[in-house]
Amino acid sequence: MIAGMHASEIAPLVLALLAAGALTGLLAGLFGVGGGAVTVPVLYELFRLAGVPDEARMPFCIGTSLAVIIPTSIRSLAAHRAKDAVEWGVLRAWAPSVLVGVLGASAVARFAAPTVFKVTFVIVAGFLALRLVFKRESRVLGSERPLSGTPIHASGFLIGAISALMGIGGGALGAMVLTSYGRSIRQAVGTSAGLGVLISLPGAVGYAIAGWSKAAQHPDIVALQLPLALGYVSLIGFMLLIPTSIAVAPVGARLAHRLPERTLELAFATFLLAMAGRFAMSLLSG
């Protein structure tokens, strides 16, 4: 991953990854997300500096991000469980359709152009942010949990597919669905933390397989031969991001239960808009 880079360039990147891991963990606990919306842009810059061509850069970012989300989301879910803010019935109902969506999107990763991943990131993150900024309490679809039927299966499939294309844990999307059904932001955040577990593990495996398959068919693509990589999953990025992200996730969860709900919503919206703007600029400059 850092082959060909000077020693003076490696140290700042290592520190940046450790800091990004801490921020990823904080956001995982604070917003119930896996932190991929931070991890993906950071890895994008890292792989750019390492000389990874654009055609393989985004799949590597997303596959590695999903791998990082595995332990982070487990840690975040445990912290929210301790606060009794997880609706397990919702997670059990979501699980089958989420899995189908994740596996489908992971298969697409083998063929999709880089712009597909970037456009997905910009549109979904921007939409979620604007929805939180201009939230109206009257926009509630129902007072009961969507535990069965078309709403839960359709939303689960879309959450899984979109998350696997963005490299996120699905917390933002899950929170959107749950708040639309009358759940409080804290309840939605706590339950959505569990989506990261449902999405990240099969997603990371799917990207690893997609990368292996791509490398087998296109041995000329040097980026797919990165050292310490499993398909589209960089083990170096994974190992550097994990320690601080796991350590800081409980801090974010405690903070989420102390902040006023509207403050939490606006902070989340600001964060999403910043990340959407970053990739929008990448699309325009590319």
C-alpha atoms as a PDB file:
ATOM      1  CA  MET A   1       0.000   0.000   0.000  1.00  0.00           C
ATOM      2  CA  ILE A   2       2.880   2.345   0.717  1.00  0.00           C
ATOM      3  CA  ALA A   3       5.348   0.783  -1.655  1.00  0.00           C
ATOM      4  CA  GLY A   4       7.392   3.374  -3.499  1.00  0.00           C
ATOM      5  CA  MET A   5       6.788   6.098  -0.913  1.00  0.00           C
ATOM      6  CA  HIS A   6       9.610   7.875   0.925  1.00  0.00           C
ATOM      7  CA  ALA A   7      10.013   7.359   4.680  1.00  0.00           C
ATOM      8  CA  SER A   8       9.233  11.035   5.260  1.00  0.00           C
ATOM      9  CA  GLU A   9       5.840  10.503   3.612  1.00  0.00           C
ATOM     10  CA  ILE A  10       4.949   7.343   5.523  1.00  0.00           C
ATOM     11  CA  ALA A  11       4.992   8.737   9.086  1.00  0.00           C
ATOM     12  CA  PRO A  12       2.432  11.526   8.432  1.00  0.00           C
ATOM     13  CA  LEU A  13       0.148   9.034   6.692  1.00  0.00           C
ATOM     14  CA  VAL A  14       0.355   6.615   9.612  1.00  0.00           C
ATOM     15  CA  LEU A  15      -0.522   9.425  12.036  1.00  0.00           C
ATOM     16  CA  ALA A  16      -3.369  10.520   9.760  1.00  0.00           C
ATOM     17  CA  LEU A  17      -4.782   6.988   9.717  1.00  0.00           C
ATOM     18  CA  LEU A  18      -4.587   6.692  13.501  1.00  0.00           C
ATOM     19  CA  ALA A  19      -6.352  10.057  13.867  1.00  0.00           C
ATOM     20  CA  ALA A  20      -8.937   9.019  11.275  1.00  0.00           C
ATOM     21  CA  GLY A  21      -9.520   5.841  13.249  1.00  0.00           C
ATOM     22  CA  ALA A  22     -10.265   7.867  16.371  1.00  0.00           C
ATOM     23  CA  LEU A  23     -12.666  10.104  14.445  1.00  0.00           C
ATOM     24  CA  THR A  24     -14.281   7.032  12.879  1.00  0.00           C
ATOM     25  CA  GLY A  25     -14.895   5.517  16.303  1.00  0.00           C
ATOM     26  CA  LEU A  26     -16.263   8.777  17.676  1.00  0.00           C
ATOM     27  CA  LEU A  27     -18.734   9.094  14.813  1.00  0.00           C
ATOM     28  CA  ALA A  28     -19.683   5.427  15.060  1.00  0.00           C
ATOM     29  CA  GLY A  29     -20.766   5.919  18.645  1.00  0.00           C
ATOM     30  CA  LEU A  30     -22.158   9.425  18.239  1.00  0.00           C
ATOM     31  CA  PHE A  31     -24.286   8.891  15.132  1.00  0.00           C
ATOM     32  CA  GLY A  32     -24.735   5.124  15.063  1.00  0.00           C
ATOM     33  CA  VAL A  33     -22.793   4.925  11.806  1.00  0.00           C
ATOM     34  CA  GLY A  34     -19.848   2.708  10.966  1.00  0.00           C
ATOM     35  CA  GLY A  35     -17.615   5.710  10.258  1.00  0.00           C
ATOM     36  CA  GLY A  36     -17.180   4.851   6.586  1.00  0.00           C
ATOM     37  CA  ALA A  37     -18.129   8.361   5.520  1.00  0.00           C
ATOM     38  CA  VAL A  38     -14.881   9.474   7.175  1.00  0.00           C
ATOM     39  CA  THR A  39     -12.770   6.415   6.403  1.00  0.00           C
ATOM     40  CA  VAL A  40     -13.504   6.398   2.657  1.00  0.00           C
ATOM     41  CA  PRO A  41     -12.337   9.998   2.005  1.00  0.00           C
ATOM     42  CA  VAL A  42      -9.218   9.505   4.158  1.00  0.00           C
ATOM     43  CA  LEU A  43      -8.301   6.276   2.375  1.00  0.00           C
ATOM     44  CA  TYR A  44      -9.005   7.933  -0.968  1.00  0.00           C
ATOM     45  CA  GLU A  45      -6.313  10.537  -0.261  1.00  0.00           C
ATOM     46  CA  LEU A  46      -3.939   7.882   1.063  1.00  0.00           C
ATOM     47  CA  PHE A  47      -4.280   5.674  -2.014  1.00  0.00           C
ATOM     48  CA  ARG A  48      -3.955   8.728  -4.261  1.00  0.00           C
ATOM     49  CA  LEU A  49      -0.626   9.624  -2.622  1.00  0.00           C
ATOM     50  CA  ALA A  50       0.444   5.981  -2.922  1.00  0.00           C
ATOM     51  CA  GLY A  51      -0.158   6.141  -6.666  1.00  0.00           C
ATOM     52  CA  VAL A  52      -3.162   3.823  -6.895  1.00  0.00           C
ATOM     53  CA  PRO A  53      -4.918   4.600 -10.217  1.00  0.00           C
ATOM     54  CA  ASP A  54      -8.446   5.966 -10.117  1.00  0.00           C
ATOM     55  CA  GLU A  55      -9.948   2.827 -11.692  1.00  0.00           C
ATOM     56  CA  ALA A  56      -9.131   0.773  -8.578  1.00  0.00           C
ATOM     57  CA  ARG A  57      -8.928   3.480  -5.889  1.00  0.00           C
ATOM     58  CA  MET A  58     -12.584   3.709  -4.891  1.00  0.00           C
ATOM     59  CA  PRO A  59     -13.167  -0.073  -4.642  1.00  0.00           C
ATOM     60  CA  PHE A  60     -10.080  -0.323  -2.420  1.00  0.00           C
ATOM     61  CA  CYS A  61     -11.355   2.524  -0.218  1.00  0.00           C
ATOM     62  CA  ILE A  62     -14.795   0.973   0.125  1.00  0.00           C
ATOM     63  CA  GLY A  63     -13.621  -2.599   0.715  1.00  0.00           C
ATOM     64  CA  THR A  64     -11.128  -1.470   3.362  1.00  0.00           C
ATOM     65  CA  SER A  65     -13.705   0.795   4.990  1.00  0.00           C
ATOM     66  CA  LEU A  66     -16.178  -2.078   5.303  1.00  0.00           C
ATOM     67  CA  ALA A  67     -13.481  -4.205   6.952  1.00  0.00           C
ATOM     68  CA  VAL A  68     -12.756  -1.431   9.458  1.00  0.00           C
ATOM     69  CA  ILE A  69     -16.465  -1.117  10.253  1.00  0.00           C
ATOM     70  CA  ILE A  70     -16.685  -4.751  11.448  1.00  0.00           C
ATOM     71  CA  PRO A  71     -15.090  -4.304  14.909  1.00  0.00           C
ATOM     72  CA  THR A  72     -16.090  -0.647  15.191  1.00  0.00           C
ATOM     73  CA  SER A  73     -19.778  -1.378  14.692  1.00  0.00           C
ATOM     74  CA  ILE A  74     -19.674  -4.283  17.142  1.00  0.00           C
ATOM     75  CA  ARG A  75     -18.152  -1.969  19.758  1.00  0.00           C
ATOM     76  CA  SER A  76     -20.690   0.769  19.006  1.00  0.00           C
ATOM     77  CA  LEU A  77     -23.626  -1.659  19.161  1.00  0.00           C
ATOM     78  CA  ALA A  78     -22.469  -2.953  22.541  1.00  0.00           C
ATOM     79  CA  ALA A  79     -22.275   0.607  23.875  1.00  0.00           C
ATOM     80  CA  HIS A  80     -25.803   1.462  22.705  1.00  0.00           C
ATOM     81  CA  ARG A  81     -27.091  -1.860  24.017  1.00  0.00           C
ATOM     82  CA  ALA A  82     -25.843  -0.839  27.451  1.00  0.00           C
ATOM     83  CA  LYS A  83     -28.052   2.262  27.130  1.00  0.00           C
ATOM     84  CA  ASP A  84     -31.047   0.049  26.193  1.00  0.00           C
ATOM     85  CA  ALA A  85     -31.401   1.928  22.883  1.00  0.00           C
ATOM     86  CA  VAL A  86     -31.424  -1.042  20.462  1.00  0.00           C
ATOM     87  CA  GLU A  87     -34.624  -2.491  18.962  1.00  0.00           C
ATOM     88  CA  TRP A  88     -33.561  -6.054  18.231  1.00  0.00           C
ATOM     89  CA  GLY A  89     -36.811  -6.943  16.475  1.00  0.00           C
ATOM     90  CA  VAL A  90     -36.087  -4.359  13.786  1.00  0.00           C
ATOM     91  CA  LEU A  91     -32.586  -5.735  13.212  1.00  0.00           C
ATOM     92  CA  ARG A  92     -33.838  -9.320  12.929  1.00  0.00           C
ATOM     93  CA  ALA A  93     -36.486  -8.256  10.405  1.00  0.00           C
ATOM     94  CA  TRP A  94     -33.967  -6.283   8.370  1.00  0.00           C
ATOM     95  CA  ALA A  95     -31.228  -8.937   8.282  1.00  0.00           C
ATOM     96  CA  PRO A  96     -32.257 -11.082   5.234  1.00  0.00           C
ATOM     97  CA  SER A  97     -32.961  -8.205   2.833  1.00  0.00           C
ATOM     98  CA  VAL A  98     -29.906  -6.239   3.993  1.00  0.00           C
ATOM     99  CA  LEU A  99     -27.704  -9.255   3.254  1.00  0.00           C
ATOM    100  CA  VAL A 100     -29.135  -9.623  -0.257  1.00  0.00           C
ATOM    101  CA  GLY A 101     -28.491  -5.929  -0.957  1.00  0.00           C
ATOM    102  CA  VAL A 102     -24.911  -6.083   0.310  1.00  0.00           C
ATOM    103  CA  LEU A 103     -24.012  -9.163  -1.721  1.00  0.00           C
ATOM    104  CA  GLY A 104     -25.567  -7.689  -4.866  1.00  0.00           C
ATOM    105  CA  ALA A 105     -23.627  -4.434  -4.557  1.00  0.00           C
ATOM    106  CA  SER A 106     -20.382  -6.297  -3.791  1.00  0.00           C
ATOM    107  CA  ALA A 107     -20.801  -8.189  -7.064  1.00  0.00           C
ATOM    108  CA  VAL A 108     -21.328  -4.892  -8.907  1.00  0.00           C
ATOM    109  CA  ALA A 109     -18.013  -3.609  -7.473  1.00  0.00           C
ATOM    110  CA  ARG A 110     -16.141  -5.868  -9.869  1.00  0.00           C
ATOM    111  CA  PHE A 111     -17.539  -4.096 -12.938  1.00  0.00           C
ATOM    112  CA  ALA A 112     -18.597  -0.575 -11.856  1.00  0.00           C
ATOM    113  CA  ALA A 113     -16.755   2.561 -12.963  1.00  0.00           C
ATOM    114  CA  PRO A 114     -15.262   4.838 -10.246  1.00  0.00           C
ATOM    115  CA  THR A 115     -17.919   7.475 -10.875  1.00  0.00           C
ATOM    116  CA  VAL A 116     -20.658   5.038  -9.780  1.00  0.00           C
ATOM    117  CA  PHE A 117     -19.239   4.916  -6.250  1.00  0.00           C
ATOM    118  CA  LYS A 118     -18.619   8.657  -6.053  1.00  0.00           C
ATOM    119  CA  VAL A 119     -22.041   9.674  -7.388  1.00  0.00           C
ATOM    120  CA  THR A 120     -23.751   7.266  -4.976  1.00  0.00           C
ATOM    121  CA  PHE A 121     -21.825   8.799  -2.084  1.00  0.00           C
ATOM    122  CA  VAL A 122     -22.654  12.393  -3.064  1.00  0.00           C
ATOM    123  CA  ILE A 123     -26.376  11.835  -3.724  1.00  0.00           C
ATOM    124  CA  VAL A 124     -27.155   9.744  -0.649  1.00  0.00           C
ATOM    125  CA  ALA A 125     -25.073  11.748   1.825  1.00  0.00           C
ATOM    126  CA  GLY A 126     -26.441  15.042   0.490  1.00  0.00           C
ATOM    127  CA  PHE A 127     -30.037  13.816   0.631  1.00  0.00           C
ATOM    128  CA  LEU A 128     -29.703  12.572   4.199  1.00  0.00           C
ATOM    129  CA  ALA A 129     -28.102  15.828   5.320  1.00  0.00           C
ATOM    130  CA  LEU A 130     -30.784  18.037   3.784  1.00  0.00           C
ATOM    131  CA  ARG A 131     -33.500  15.845   5.236  1.00  0.00           C
ATOM    132  CA  LEU A 132     -32.093  16.375   8.723  1.00  0.00           C
ATOM    133  CA  VAL A 133     -31.616  20.138   8.253  1.00  0.00           C
ATOM    134  CA  PHE A 134     -35.179  20.709   7.000  1.00  0.00           C
ATOM    135  CA  LYS A 135     -36.791  18.103   9.221  1.00  0.00           C
ATOM    136  CA  ARG A 136     -40.502  18.471   9.928  1.00  0.00           C
ATOM    137  CA  GLU A 137     -42.111  16.557  12.723  1.00  0.00           C
ATOM    138  CA  SER A 138     -45.200  15.900  10.562  1.00  0.00           C
ATOM    139  CA  ARG A 139     -43.197  13.675   8.208  1.00  0.00           C
ATOM    140  CA  VAL A 140     -43.926  10.449  10.059  1.00  0.00           C
ATOM    141  CA  LEU A 141     -45.075   7.398   8.111  1.00  0.00           C
ATOM    142  CA  GLY A 142     -46.349   5.443  11.065  1.00  0.00           C
ATOM    143  CA  SER A 143     -46.191   5.014  14.800  1.00  0.00           C
ATOM    144  CA  GLU A 144     -45.447   1.289  14.732  1.00  0.00           C
ATOM    145  CA  ARG A 145     -42.115  -0.344  14.028  1.00  0.00           C
ATOM    146  CA  PRO A 146     -41.843  -1.570  10.374  1.00  0.00           C
ATOM    147  CA  LEU A 147     -41.195  -5.165  11.426  1.00  0.00           C
ATOM    148  CA  SER A 148     -42.631  -6.986   8.413  1.00  0.00           C
ATOM    149  CA  GLY A 149     -43.961  -6.611   4.914  1.00  0.00           C
ATOM    150  CA  THR A 150     -42.781  -4.560   1.956  1.00  0.00           C
ATOM    151  CA  PRO A 151     -41.454  -1.519   3.901  1.00  0.00           C
ATOM    152  CA  ILE A 152     -38.963  -3.496   5.958  1.00  0.00           C
ATOM    153  CA  HIS A 153     -37.783  -5.701   3.074  1.00  0.00           C
ATOM    154  CA  ALA A 154     -37.497  -2.884   0.525  1.00  0.00           C
ATOM    155  CA  SER A 155     -35.727  -0.545   2.947  1.00  0.00           C
ATOM    156  CA  GLY A 156     -33.387  -3.340   4.054  1.00  0.00           C
ATOM    157  CA  PHE A 157     -32.368  -4.168   0.487  1.00  0.00           C
ATOM    158  CA  LEU A 158     -31.740  -0.506  -0.377  1.00  0.00           C
ATOM    159  CA  ILE A 159     -29.801   0.111   2.841  1.00  0.00           C
ATOM    160  CA  GLY A 160     -27.587  -2.912   2.183  1.00  0.00           C
ATOM    161  CA  ALA A 161     -26.951  -2.112  -1.489  1.00  0.00           C
ATOM    162  CA  ILE A 162     -26.306   1.628  -1.036  1.00  0.00           C
ATOM    163  CA  SER A 163     -24.093   1.071   2.003  1.00  0.00           C
ATOM    164  CA  ALA A 164     -21.969  -1.494   0.173  1.00  0.00           C
ATOM    165  CA  LEU A 165     -21.498   0.967  -2.715  1.00  0.00           C
ATOM    166  CA  MET A 166     -20.503   3.770  -0.316  1.00  0.00           C
ATOM    167  CA  GLY A 167     -18.394   1.816   2.168  1.00  0.00           C
ATOM    168  CA  ILE A 168     -20.577   2.836   5.107  1.00  0.00           C
ATOM    169  CA  GLY A 169     -22.281   0.900   7.878  1.00  0.00           C
ATOM    170  CA  GLY A 170     -25.820   1.952   6.949  1.00  0.00           C
ATOM    171  CA  GLY A 171     -26.484   3.822  10.188  1.00  0.00           C
ATOM    172  CA  ALA A 172     -27.546   7.045   8.485  1.00  0.00           C
ATOM    173  CA  LEU A 173     -29.974   5.238   6.201  1.00  0.00           C
ATOM    174  CA  GLY A 174     -31.377   3.095   8.993  1.00  0.00           C
ATOM    175  CA  ALA A 175     -31.872   6.135  11.202  1.00  0.00           C
ATOM    176  CA  MET A 176     -33.767   7.857   8.387  1.00  0.00           C
ATOM    177  CA  VAL A 177     -36.196   4.937   8.104  1.00  0.00           C
ATOM    178  CA  LEU A 178     -36.709   4.595  11.847  1.00  0.00           C
ATOM    179  CA  THR A 179     -37.274   8.301  12.490  1.00  0.00           C
ATOM    180  CA  SER A 180     -39.834   8.252   9.663  1.00  0.00           C
ATOM    181  CA  TYR A 181     -41.709   5.652  11.695  1.00  0.00           C
ATOM    182  CA  GLY A 182     -41.787   7.790  14.824  1.00  0.00           C
ATOM    183  CA  ARG A 183     -38.644   6.593  16.558  1.00  0.00           C
ATOM    184  CA  SER A 184     -36.559   9.169  18.442  1.00  0.00           C
ATOM    185  CA  ILE A 185     -33.126  10.033  17.083  1.00  0.00           C
ATOM    186  CA  ARG A 186     -31.419   8.286  20.017  1.00  0.00           C
ATOM    187  CA  GLN A 187     -33.474   5.121  19.520  1.00  0.00           C
ATOM    188  CA  ALA A 188     -32.852   5.235  15.777  1.00  0.00           C
ATOM    189  CA  VAL A 189     -29.104   5.762  16.248  1.00  0.00           C
ATOM    190  CA  GLY A 190     -28.820   2.900  18.720  1.00  0.00           C
ATOM    191  CA  THR A 191     -30.716   0.447  16.525  1.00  0.00           C
ATOM    192  CA  SER A 192     -28.924   1.548  13.361  1.00  0.00           C
ATOM    193  CA  ALA A 193     -25.585   0.792  14.985  1.00  0.00           C
ATOM    194  CA  GLY A 194     -26.501  -2.865  14.513  1.00  0.00           C
ATOM    195  CA  LEU A 195     -26.747  -2.408  10.759  1.00  0.00           C
ATOM    196  CA  GLY A 196     -22.996  -1.944  10.632  1.00  0.00           C
ATOM    197  CA  VAL A 197     -22.540  -5.528  11.793  1.00  0.00           C
ATOM    198  CA  LEU A 198     -25.045  -6.853   9.234  1.00  0.00           C
ATOM    199  CA  ILE A 199     -23.435  -4.903   6.379  1.00  0.00           C
ATOM    200  CA  SER A 200     -19.697  -4.787   7.055  1.00  0.00           C
ATOM    201  CA  LEU A 201     -18.813  -8.475   7.374  1.00  0.00           C
ATOM    202  CA  PRO A 202     -20.453  -9.781   4.158  1.00  0.00           C
ATOM    203  CA  GLY A 203     -19.523  -6.539   2.412  1.00  0.00           C
ATOM    204  CA  ALA A 204     -15.815  -6.841   3.210  1.00  0.00           C
ATOM    205  CA  VAL A 205     -15.808 -10.492   2.127  1.00  0.00           C
ATOM    206  CA  GLY A 206     -17.621  -9.563  -1.080  1.00  0.00           C
ATOM    207  CA  TYR A 207     -15.073  -6.843  -1.947  1.00  0.00           C
ATOM    208  CA  ALA A 208     -12.192  -9.198  -1.219  1.00  0.00           C
ATOM    209  CA  ILE A 209     -13.653 -11.736  -3.641  1.00  0.00           C
ATOM    210  CA  ALA A 210     -14.403  -9.039  -6.238  1.00  0.00           C
ATOM    211  CA  GLY A 211     -10.790  -7.826  -6.073  1.00  0.00           C
ATOM    212  CA  TRP A 212      -9.385 -11.333  -6.425  1.00  0.00           C
ATOM    213  CA  SER A 213     -11.607 -11.987  -9.414  1.00  0.00           C
ATOM    214  CA  LYS A 214     -10.625  -8.697 -11.037  1.00  0.00           C
ATOM    215  CA  ALA A 215      -6.925  -9.396 -10.476  1.00  0.00           C
ATOM    216  CA  ALA A 216      -7.230 -12.861 -11.996  1.00  0.00           C
ATOM    217  CA  GLN A 217      -8.791 -11.462 -15.162  1.00  0.00           C
ATOM    218  CA  HIS A 218      -6.618  -8.324 -15.362  1.00  0.00           C
ATOM    219  CA  PRO A 219      -3.117  -9.129 -14.063  1.00  0.00           C
ATOM    220  CA  ASP A 220      -1.861  -5.974 -15.783  1.00  0.00           C
ATOM    221  CA  ILE A 221      -3.575  -3.743 -13.202  1.00  0.00           C
ATOM    222  CA  VAL A 222      -0.691  -3.103 -10.780  1.00  0.00           C
ATOM    223  CA  ALA A 223      -2.999  -1.571  -8.141  1.00  0.00           C
ATOM    224  CA  LEU A 224      -4.595  -4.960  -7.563  1.00  0.00           C
ATOM    225  CA  GLN A 225      -1.226  -6.363  -6.478  1.00  0.00           C
ATOM    226  CA  LEU A 226      -0.817  -4.048  -3.450  1.00  0.00           C
ATOM    227  CA  PRO A 227       1.178  -5.663  -0.625  1.00  0.00           C
ATOM    228  CA  LEU A 228      -0.877  -6.966   2.310  1.00  0.00           C
ATOM    229  CA  ALA A 229      -4.161  -6.723   0.441  1.00  0.00           C
ATOM    230  CA  LEU A 230      -7.002  -9.230   0.231  1.00  0.00           C
ATOM    231  CA  GLY A 231      -8.723  -8.379  -3.018  1.00  0.00           C
ATOM    232  CA  TYR A 232     -10.099  -4.881  -2.554  1.00  0.00           C
ATOM    233  CA  VAL A 233      -9.330  -4.876   1.200  1.00  0.00           C
ATOM    234  CA  SER A 234      -6.057  -3.268   2.362  1.00  0.00           C
ATOM    235  CA  LEU A 235      -4.826  -4.962   5.537  1.00  0.00           C
ATOM    236  CA  ILE A 236      -2.414  -2.105   6.298  1.00  0.00           C
ATOM    237  CA  GLY A 237      -5.231   0.436   6.294  1.00  0.00           C
ATOM    238  CA  PHE A 238      -7.353  -1.946   8.357  1.00  0.00           C
ATOM    239  CA  MET A 239      -4.674  -2.504  11.006  1.00  0.00           C
ATOM    240  CA  LEU A 240      -3.895   1.199  11.424  1.00  0.00           C
ATOM    241  CA  LEU A 241      -7.501   2.386  11.631  1.00  0.00           C
ATOM    242  CA  ILE A 242      -8.834  -0.273  13.985  1.00  0.00           C
ATOM    243  CA  PRO A 243      -7.098   0.394  17.359  1.00  0.00           C
ATOM    244  CA  THR A 244      -8.142   4.002  17.834  1.00  0.00           C
ATOM    245  CA  SER A 245     -11.601   3.520  16.300  1.00  0.00           C
ATOM    246  CA  ILE A 246     -12.472   0.749  18.762  1.00  0.00           C
ATOM    247  CA  ALA A 247     -11.085   2.702  21.706  1.00  0.00           C
ATOM    248  CA  VAL A 248     -13.061   5.878  20.983  1.00  0.00           C
ATOM    249  CA  ALA A 249     -16.455   4.393  19.915  1.00  0.00           C
ATOM    250  CA  PRO A 250     -17.864   4.209  23.497  1.00  0.00           C
ATOM    251  CA  VAL A 251     -17.012   7.890  24.019  1.00  0.00           C
ATOM    252  CA  GLY A 252     -19.201   8.830  21.061  1.00  0.00           C
ATOM    253  CA  ALA A 253     -22.061   6.658  22.321  1.00  0.00           C
ATOM    254  CA  ARG A 254     -22.003   8.343  25.730  1.00  0.00           C
ATOM    255  CA  LEU A 255     -21.929  11.761  24.087  1.00  0.00           C
ATOM    256  CA  ALA A 256     -24.921  10.861  21.886  1.00  0.00           C
ATOM    257  CA  HIS A 257     -27.055  10.306  24.994  1.00  0.00           C
ATOM    258  CA  ARG A 258     -26.037  13.654  26.514  1.00  0.00           C
ATOM    259  CA  LEU A 259     -26.537  16.022  23.571  1.00  0.00           C
ATOM    260  CA  PRO A 260     -29.943  17.557  22.756  1.00  0.00           C
ATOM    261  CA  GLU A 261     -31.581  15.662  19.889  1.00  0.00           C
ATOM    262  CA  ARG A 262     -31.710  18.648  17.527  1.00  0.00           C
ATOM    263  CA  THR A 263     -28.029  19.375  18.137  1.00  0.00           C
ATOM    264  CA  LEU A 264     -27.216  15.776  17.296  1.00  0.00           C
ATOM    265  CA  GLU A 265     -29.239  15.950  14.068  1.00  0.00           C
ATOM    266  CA  LEU A 266     -27.635  19.201  12.885  1.00  0.00           C
ATOM    267  CA  ALA A 267     -24.135  17.956  13.702  1.00  0.00           C
ATOM    268  CA  PHE A 268     -24.772  14.820  11.687  1.00  0.00           C
ATOM    269  CA  ALA A 269     -26.139  16.877   8.765  1.00  0.00           C
ATOM    270  CA  THR A 270     -23.056  19.120   8.746  1.00  0.00           C
ATOM    271  CA  PHE A 271     -20.768  16.120   8.687  1.00  0.00           C
ATOM    272  CA  LEU A 272     -22.657  14.480   5.799  1.00  0.00           C
ATOM    273  CA  LEU A 273     -22.630  17.665   3.720  1.00  0.00           C
ATOM    274  CA  ALA A 274     -18.875  18.037   4.170  1.00  0.00           C
ATOM    275  CA  MET A 275     -18.236  14.493   2.960  1.00  0.00           C
ATOM    276  CA  ALA A 276     -20.628  14.851   0.011  1.00  0.00           C
ATOM    277  CA  GLY A 277     -18.882  18.071  -0.973  1.00  0.00           C
ATOM    278  CA  ARG A 278     -15.486  16.363  -0.955  1.00  0.00           C
ATOM    279  CA  PHE A 279     -16.532  13.762  -3.500  1.00  0.00           C
ATOM    280  CA  ALA A 280     -18.499  16.253  -5.565  1.00  0.00           C
ATOM    281  CA  MET A 281     -15.283  18.209  -5.981  1.00  0.00           C
ATOM    282  CA  SER A 282     -13.517  14.983  -6.988  1.00  0.00           C
ATOM    283  CA  LEU A 283     -16.125  14.355  -9.675  1.00  0.00           C
ATOM    284  CA  LEU A 284     -15.857  17.887 -11.042  1.00  0.00           C
ATOM    285  CA  SER A 285     -12.054  17.845 -11.109  1.00  0.00           C
ATOM    286  CA  GLY A 286     -11.945  14.382 -12.669  1.00  0.00           C
END
